[in-house]
């Protein structure tokens, strides 16, 4: 089964074709970073309009790259949520219309399930069950993954998501947008030990997290510093280390609680070099298996949507006649499917 995936949940237009027999055939991605950078964040209306301009040309491009004709496509998967309402509507409307026109089934995919399953696009895959850390601009979740669709959230951020905290920190330090890669690159030039940042909610039991306080700590530290380039780099390093340590502490607890020996990291923040390095060091020292997608599949992309959609279409799921997207769609509301990836 060849599935066309369409991702338009926020500020990246991703299109891909996944073949259940041969794997990923082709994928393309258009980022709107330049469009939104002057505003310091995503402008929903601009995002939606740009998706409208990009989706069809990108579909034509990915079909050509995969050496496929329209008649070769057996199903269409599109992101139905969570995300920005207008942006989701673009992908859903185009996906549903093409499916109706081509007389093939379509299915709306949960964006976070796409991220969670992205590591399964790799040759080295985890076996079910496993623990998943999903860290992106909008979500920070620790998930007990029993099988595809059987997800229990056992820990989450009570305020800012990790990616959101990176963006806000970069804005406070006047570094630009998006904050994740900018903070990460600047942190390599800094000394994390120059400042002692808190590790929020690690001195109490449980797996929930909080990152809004780190943003305030960054502001106070910056205002009290000499505001030099050196101080800025040191603050970036200290902030990043505090985030990574907090995530690692929580995941250690979750692994102990679930007794799992496999950990999956996914979402945009999972591309962070220090996060990968610290988790790899811990995994090697404790005989754990660590999995994460290629960097190109950490951020929003069509490949993860095509893959997740293919699993559900193969299991017999497909859209009914109703049409809706879900800007808020907890991953815990999904149904398990019989087929494992």
Protein backbone atom coordinates (compact mmCIF):
# COMPACT_ATOMS: atom_id res chain seq x y z
CA UNK A 1 0.00 0.00 0.00
CA UNK A 2 1.35 3.40 -1.02
CA UNK A 3 0.18 6.24 1.22
CA UNK A 4 0.53 9.95 0.56
CA UNK A 5 1.15 11.87 3.78
CA UNK A 6 0.29 15.57 4.23
CA UNK A 7 1.54 17.52 7.25
CA UNK A 8 0.29 21.11 7.77
CA UNK A 9 -0.22 21.40 11.52
CA UNK A 10 1.87 24.53 12.10
CA UNK A 11 4.69 26.22 10.19
CA UNK A 12 6.10 23.43 8.02
CA UNK A 13 4.53 21.87 4.94
CA UNK A 14 5.59 18.23 4.71
CA UNK A 15 4.63 15.77 1.98
CA UNK A 16 5.76 12.13 1.67
CA UNK A 17 4.91 8.79 0.13
CA UNK A 18 5.30 5.67 2.26
CA UNK A 19 5.06 2.18 0.80
CA UNK A 20 4.21 -0.54 3.33
CA UNK A 21 6.24 -3.01 1.28
CA UNK A 22 9.27 -0.87 0.39
CA UNK A 23 9.37 1.84 3.05
CA UNK A 24 9.69 5.58 2.52
CA UNK A 25 9.79 6.36 -1.19
CA UNK A 26 10.14 10.15 -1.12
CA UNK A 27 9.56 13.16 1.10
CA UNK A 28 9.83 16.93 0.80
CA UNK A 29 9.56 19.67 3.38
CA UNK A 30 9.05 23.40 3.16
CA UNK A 31 9.78 25.45 6.27
CA UNK A 32 8.14 28.79 7.00
CA UNK A 33 10.88 29.96 9.38
CA UNK A 34 11.82 32.94 7.22
CA UNK A 35 8.15 33.94 6.97
CA UNK A 36 7.60 34.03 10.74
CA UNK A 37 11.05 35.00 12.05
CA UNK A 38 10.43 38.74 11.80
CA UNK A 39 7.44 38.33 14.15
CA UNK A 40 9.34 36.23 16.68
CA UNK A 41 6.87 33.34 16.38
CA UNK A 42 4.26 31.68 14.20
CA UNK A 43 1.47 33.90 12.83
CA UNK A 44 -1.44 31.46 12.27
CA UNK A 45 -3.07 33.29 9.34
CA UNK A 46 0.23 33.59 7.48
CA UNK A 47 0.93 29.91 8.12
CA UNK A 48 -2.41 28.83 6.68
CA UNK A 49 -2.03 30.95 3.56
CA UNK A 50 1.43 29.62 2.90
CA UNK A 51 0.26 26.00 3.25
CA UNK A 52 -2.37 26.73 0.58
CA UNK A 53 0.38 27.87 -1.78
CA UNK A 54 2.72 24.98 -1.09
CA UNK A 55 0.76 21.74 -0.71
CA UNK A 56 -0.18 20.96 -4.32
CA UNK A 57 3.25 21.82 -5.83
CA UNK A 58 4.94 19.73 -3.14
CA UNK A 59 2.59 16.79 -3.81
CA UNK A 60 3.52 16.98 -7.50
CA UNK A 61 7.21 17.10 -6.54
CA UNK A 62 7.06 14.10 -4.22
CA UNK A 63 5.13 12.05 -6.80
CA UNK A 64 7.86 12.79 -9.34
CA UNK A 65 10.63 11.98 -6.85
CA UNK A 66 8.97 8.66 -6.00
CA UNK A 67 8.40 7.85 -9.68
CA UNK A 68 4.70 7.46 -8.91
CA UNK A 69 1.54 8.41 -10.74
CA UNK A 70 -1.65 9.50 -9.02
CA UNK A 71 -3.13 6.09 -9.82
CA UNK A 72 -0.36 4.42 -7.78
CA UNK A 73 -1.51 6.01 -4.51
CA UNK A 74 -3.69 3.70 -2.40
CA UNK A 75 -4.54 6.05 0.46
CA UNK A 76 -4.02 9.54 1.85
CA UNK A 77 -3.07 10.46 5.41
CA UNK A 78 -3.20 14.03 6.67
CA UNK A 79 -2.62 15.66 10.03
CA UNK A 80 -6.00 16.21 11.69
CA UNK A 81 -4.62 17.55 14.98
CA UNK A 82 -3.35 18.79 17.29
CA UNK A 83 -2.21 22.05 15.73
CA UNK A 84 -3.40 25.40 14.40
CA UNK A 85 -7.01 25.26 13.23
CA UNK A 86 -6.48 27.06 9.92
CA UNK A 87 -3.31 25.17 9.07
CA UNK A 88 -4.95 21.83 9.84
CA UNK A 89 -7.94 22.72 7.68
CA UNK A 90 -5.69 23.25 4.65
CA UNK A 91 -4.14 19.77 4.80
CA UNK A 92 -7.42 18.09 5.70
CA UNK A 93 -9.39 19.79 2.93
CA UNK A 94 -6.81 18.98 0.27
CA UNK A 95 -6.29 15.44 1.53
CA UNK A 96 -10.00 14.65 1.68
CA UNK A 97 -10.65 16.23 -1.72
CA UNK A 98 -7.86 14.29 -3.42
CA UNK A 99 -9.01 11.05 -1.80
CA UNK A 100 -12.57 11.64 -3.03
CA UNK A 101 -11.34 12.56 -6.51
CA UNK A 102 -8.95 9.60 -6.76
CA UNK A 103 -11.53 7.25 -5.17
CA UNK A 104 -9.20 6.04 -2.42
CA UNK A 105 -9.53 6.06 1.40
CA UNK A 106 -8.17 8.82 3.60
CA UNK A 107 -7.47 9.10 7.29
CA UNK A 108 -6.76 11.91 9.73
CA UNK A 109 -3.60 11.28 11.77
CA UNK A 110 -2.77 12.50 15.24
CA UNK A 111 0.32 14.69 14.92
CA UNK A 112 1.85 13.43 18.16
CA UNK A 113 1.33 9.80 17.16
CA UNK A 114 3.26 10.68 14.01
CA UNK A 115 6.16 11.95 16.11
CA UNK A 116 5.99 8.97 18.46
CA UNK A 117 6.18 6.50 15.58
CA UNK A 118 8.83 8.41 13.59
CA UNK A 119 11.70 6.31 15.05
CA UNK A 120 10.04 3.28 13.44
CA UNK A 121 10.99 4.71 10.05
CA UNK A 122 14.56 3.66 10.88
CA UNK A 123 16.07 0.21 10.29
CA UNK A 124 16.90 -0.15 13.98
CA UNK A 125 13.47 -0.11 15.63
CA UNK A 126 12.21 -0.60 19.19
CA UNK A 127 9.87 -3.45 20.05
CA UNK A 128 6.63 -2.84 21.91
CA UNK A 129 6.20 -1.96 24.73
CA UNK A 130 8.54 0.97 25.33
CA UNK A 131 8.75 4.37 27.03
CA UNK A 132 8.50 7.48 24.85
CA UNK A 133 9.64 11.03 25.54
CA UNK A 134 7.84 13.41 23.19
CA UNK A 135 9.34 16.89 23.27
CA UNK A 136 8.31 19.56 20.79
CA UNK A 137 7.26 23.18 20.54
CA UNK A 138 3.77 22.39 21.79
CA UNK A 139 4.08 19.23 23.86
CA UNK A 140 6.26 17.61 26.51
CA UNK A 141 5.00 14.11 27.29
CA UNK A 142 6.27 10.90 28.84
CA UNK A 143 4.22 8.07 27.38
CA UNK A 144 3.84 4.39 28.22
CA UNK A 145 3.54 2.81 24.76
CA UNK A 146 2.02 -0.68 24.81
CA UNK A 147 1.39 -0.92 21.05
CA UNK A 148 0.35 1.32 18.16
CA UNK A 149 -2.54 3.38 19.47
CA UNK A 150 -2.30 2.14 23.07
CA UNK A 151 -0.76 5.14 24.78
CA UNK A 152 -0.89 6.20 28.43
CA UNK A 153 0.47 9.63 29.35
CA UNK A 154 2.31 9.16 32.65
CA UNK A 155 4.03 12.55 32.73
CA UNK A 156 3.62 15.94 31.05
CA UNK A 157 4.50 19.59 31.36
CA UNK A 158 2.04 21.53 33.49
CA UNK A 159 2.82 24.77 31.64
CA UNK A 160 5.30 25.54 28.85
CA UNK A 161 6.39 22.74 26.56
CA UNK A 162 10.15 22.29 26.23
CA UNK A 163 10.28 23.75 22.73
CA UNK A 164 8.19 26.68 23.86
CA UNK A 165 10.61 27.33 26.72
CA UNK A 166 13.51 27.37 24.25
CA UNK A 167 11.67 29.85 22.00
CA UNK A 168 10.77 32.15 24.89
CA UNK A 169 14.29 32.03 26.29
CA UNK A 170 15.74 32.96 22.91
CA UNK A 171 13.29 35.84 22.69
CA UNK A 172 14.26 37.10 26.17
CA UNK A 173 17.92 37.05 25.12
CA UNK A 174 17.04 38.69 21.78
CA UNK A 175 18.48 35.78 19.82
CA UNK A 176 15.76 35.29 17.23
CA UNK A 177 13.40 32.52 16.15
CA UNK A 178 13.18 29.52 16.32
CA UNK A 179 14.85 29.31 19.70
CA UNK A 180 15.82 25.63 19.87
CA UNK A 181 18.71 25.50 17.41
CA UNK A 182 19.84 29.04 18.27
CA UNK A 183 20.10 28.28 22.00
CA UNK A 184 21.77 24.94 21.27
CA UNK A 185 24.44 26.48 19.05
CA UNK A 186 25.12 29.36 21.44
CA UNK A 187 25.31 26.96 24.40
CA UNK A 188 28.31 25.26 22.79
CA UNK A 189 30.23 28.50 23.32
CA UNK A 190 29.14 28.92 26.94
CA UNK A 191 29.96 27.54 30.37
CA UNK A 192 26.93 25.98 32.03
CA UNK A 193 28.64 26.04 35.43
CA UNK A 194 28.75 29.85 35.36
CA UNK A 195 25.16 29.90 36.67
CA UNK A 196 23.23 27.51 38.84
CA UNK A 197 19.79 26.99 37.32
CA UNK A 198 17.03 25.03 39.09
CA UNK A 199 15.78 21.63 37.90
CA UNK A 200 12.02 22.26 38.27
CA UNK A 201 9.84 19.71 40.07
CA UNK A 202 12.66 17.20 40.47
CA UNK A 203 12.66 17.53 44.26
CA UNK A 204 9.17 16.07 44.49
CA UNK A 205 7.79 12.67 43.40
CA UNK A 206 6.00 12.15 40.12
CA UNK A 207 6.70 12.47 36.42
CA UNK A 208 5.06 15.82 35.60
CA UNK A 209 7.26 18.71 34.53
CA UNK A 210 7.31 22.51 34.56
CA UNK A 211 9.46 24.80 32.44
CA UNK A 212 7.87 28.25 32.75
CA UNK A 213 9.94 28.98 35.86
CA UNK A 214 13.18 28.48 33.93
CA UNK A 215 12.10 31.23 31.55
CA UNK A 216 11.68 33.61 34.51
CA UNK A 217 15.04 32.49 35.91
CA UNK A 218 16.66 33.30 32.55
CA UNK A 219 15.17 36.80 32.60
CA UNK A 220 16.33 37.55 36.16
CA UNK A 221 19.79 36.10 35.51
CA UNK A 222 20.19 38.12 32.32
CA UNK A 223 19.10 41.36 33.97
CA UNK A 224 21.53 40.79 36.84
CA UNK A 225 24.44 39.98 34.53
CA UNK A 226 26.78 42.32 32.66
CA UNK A 227 24.75 41.46 29.53
CA UNK A 228 27.86 40.62 27.54
CA UNK A 229 28.06 38.04 24.77
CA UNK A 230 29.88 35.75 27.20
CA UNK A 231 27.09 36.01 29.75
CA UNK A 232 24.51 35.34 27.06
CA UNK A 233 26.32 32.16 25.98
CA UNK A 234 26.72 31.03 29.61
CA UNK A 235 23.02 31.57 30.30
CA UNK A 236 22.10 29.61 27.16
CA UNK A 237 24.35 26.74 28.28
CA UNK A 238 23.01 26.75 31.84
CA UNK A 239 19.40 26.88 30.64
CA UNK A 240 19.87 24.03 28.18
CA UNK A 241 21.63 21.87 30.77
CA UNK A 242 18.82 22.46 33.27
CA UNK A 243 16.21 21.37 30.70
CA UNK A 244 18.15 18.26 29.70
CA UNK A 245 18.83 17.28 33.32
CA UNK A 246 15.17 17.70 34.20
CA UNK A 247 14.04 15.51 31.31
CA UNK A 248 16.62 12.86 32.17
CA UNK A 249 15.63 12.77 35.84
CA UNK A 250 11.98 12.33 34.93
CA UNK A 251 12.73 9.62 32.36
CA UNK A 252 14.88 7.72 34.86
CA UNK A 253 11.89 7.63 37.20
CA UNK A 254 9.56 6.57 34.39
CA UNK A 255 11.86 3.74 33.31
CA UNK A 256 12.03 2.49 36.87
CA UNK A 257 8.24 2.78 37.23
CA UNK A 258 7.49 0.88 34.01
CA UNK A 259 10.47 -1.48 34.23
CA UNK A 260 11.11 -0.86 30.52
CA UNK A 261 14.56 -1.10 28.97
CA UNK A 262 13.74 0.79 25.75
CA UNK A 263 13.37 4.54 25.48
CA UNK A 264 12.19 6.44 22.39
CA UNK A 265 12.80 10.18 22.00
CA UNK A 266 10.88 12.09 19.34
CA UNK A 267 9.68 15.57 18.45
CA UNK A 268 11.62 18.64 17.40
CA UNK A 269 13.59 18.97 20.64
CA UNK A 270 14.82 15.38 20.32
CA UNK A 271 17.31 16.71 17.75
CA UNK A 272 19.10 18.65 20.51
CA UNK A 273 22.73 17.48 20.64
CA UNK A 274 23.15 17.70 24.40
CA UNK A 275 19.86 15.90 25.01
CA UNK A 276 20.97 13.03 22.79
CA UNK A 277 24.44 12.92 24.31
CA UNK A 278 23.28 12.81 27.94
CA UNK A 279 20.56 10.26 27.26
CA UNK A 280 23.01 8.11 25.27
CA UNK A 281 25.53 8.24 28.12
CA UNK A 282 22.90 7.18 30.64
CA UNK A 283 21.54 4.44 28.36
CA UNK A 284 24.98 2.94 27.76
CA UNK A 285 25.80 2.96 31.46
CA UNK A 286 22.51 1.26 32.37
CA UNK A 287 22.15 -1.25 29.52
CA UNK A 288 19.17 0.56 28.02
CA UNK A 289 18.27 0.85 24.35
CA UNK A 290 17.77 4.38 23.07
CA UNK A 291 15.96 5.19 19.83
CA UNK A 292 15.26 8.42 17.99
CA UNK A 293 14.57 9.46 14.38
CA UNK A 294 17.02 11.03 11.98
CA UNK A 295 17.27 14.77 12.55
CA UNK A 296 15.20 15.46 9.41
CA UNK A 297 12.32 13.47 10.92
CA UNK A 298 12.44 15.10 14.36
CA UNK A 299 10.70 18.28 13.26
CA UNK A 300 7.27 18.18 11.62
CA UNK A 301 7.36 16.16 8.41
CA UNK A 302 5.15 14.28 5.99
CA UNK A 303 6.98 10.97 6.38
CA UNK A 304 5.77 10.39 9.92
CA UNK A 305 2.18 11.19 8.89
CA UNK A 306 2.33 8.87 5.89
CA UNK A 307 3.74 6.08 8.07
CA UNK A 308 1.25 6.47 10.92
CA UNK A 309 -1.58 6.74 8.41
CA UNK A 310 -0.42 3.63 6.56
CA UNK A 311 -0.55 1.58 9.77
CA UNK A 312 -4.14 2.63 10.44
CA UNK A 313 -5.31 2.30 6.84
CA UNK A 314 -3.85 -1.21 6.69
CA UNK A 315 -5.73 -2.02 9.89
CA UNK A 316 -8.97 -1.09 8.15
CA UNK A 317 -9.50 2.40 9.54
CA UNK A 318 -10.53 5.28 7.27
CA UNK A 319 -12.47 8.55 7.32
CA UNK A 320 -16.23 8.50 7.38
CA UNK A 321 -18.33 11.17 5.69
CA UNK A 322 -17.85 13.71 8.48
CA UNK A 323 -15.15 16.35 8.18
CA UNK A 324 -13.36 17.76 11.20
CA UNK A 325 -9.95 18.65 12.54
CA UNK A 326 -8.98 18.73 16.20
CA UNK A 327 -6.68 21.55 17.33
CA UNK A 328 -6.69 19.81 20.71
CA UNK A 329 -6.42 16.03 20.40
CA UNK A 330 -4.73 14.18 23.27
CA UNK A 331 -2.77 11.15 22.12
CA UNK A 332 -4.35 9.16 24.94
CA UNK A 333 -7.72 9.34 23.12
CA UNK A 334 -6.51 7.20 20.23
CA UNK A 335 -7.59 3.62 19.68
CA UNK A 336 -5.18 0.71 19.60
CA UNK A 337 -4.85 -1.18 16.34
CA UNK A 338 -4.20 -4.87 16.00
CA UNK A 339 -1.19 -4.57 13.71
CA UNK A 340 2.12 -3.69 15.30
CA UNK A 341 4.69 -1.69 13.40
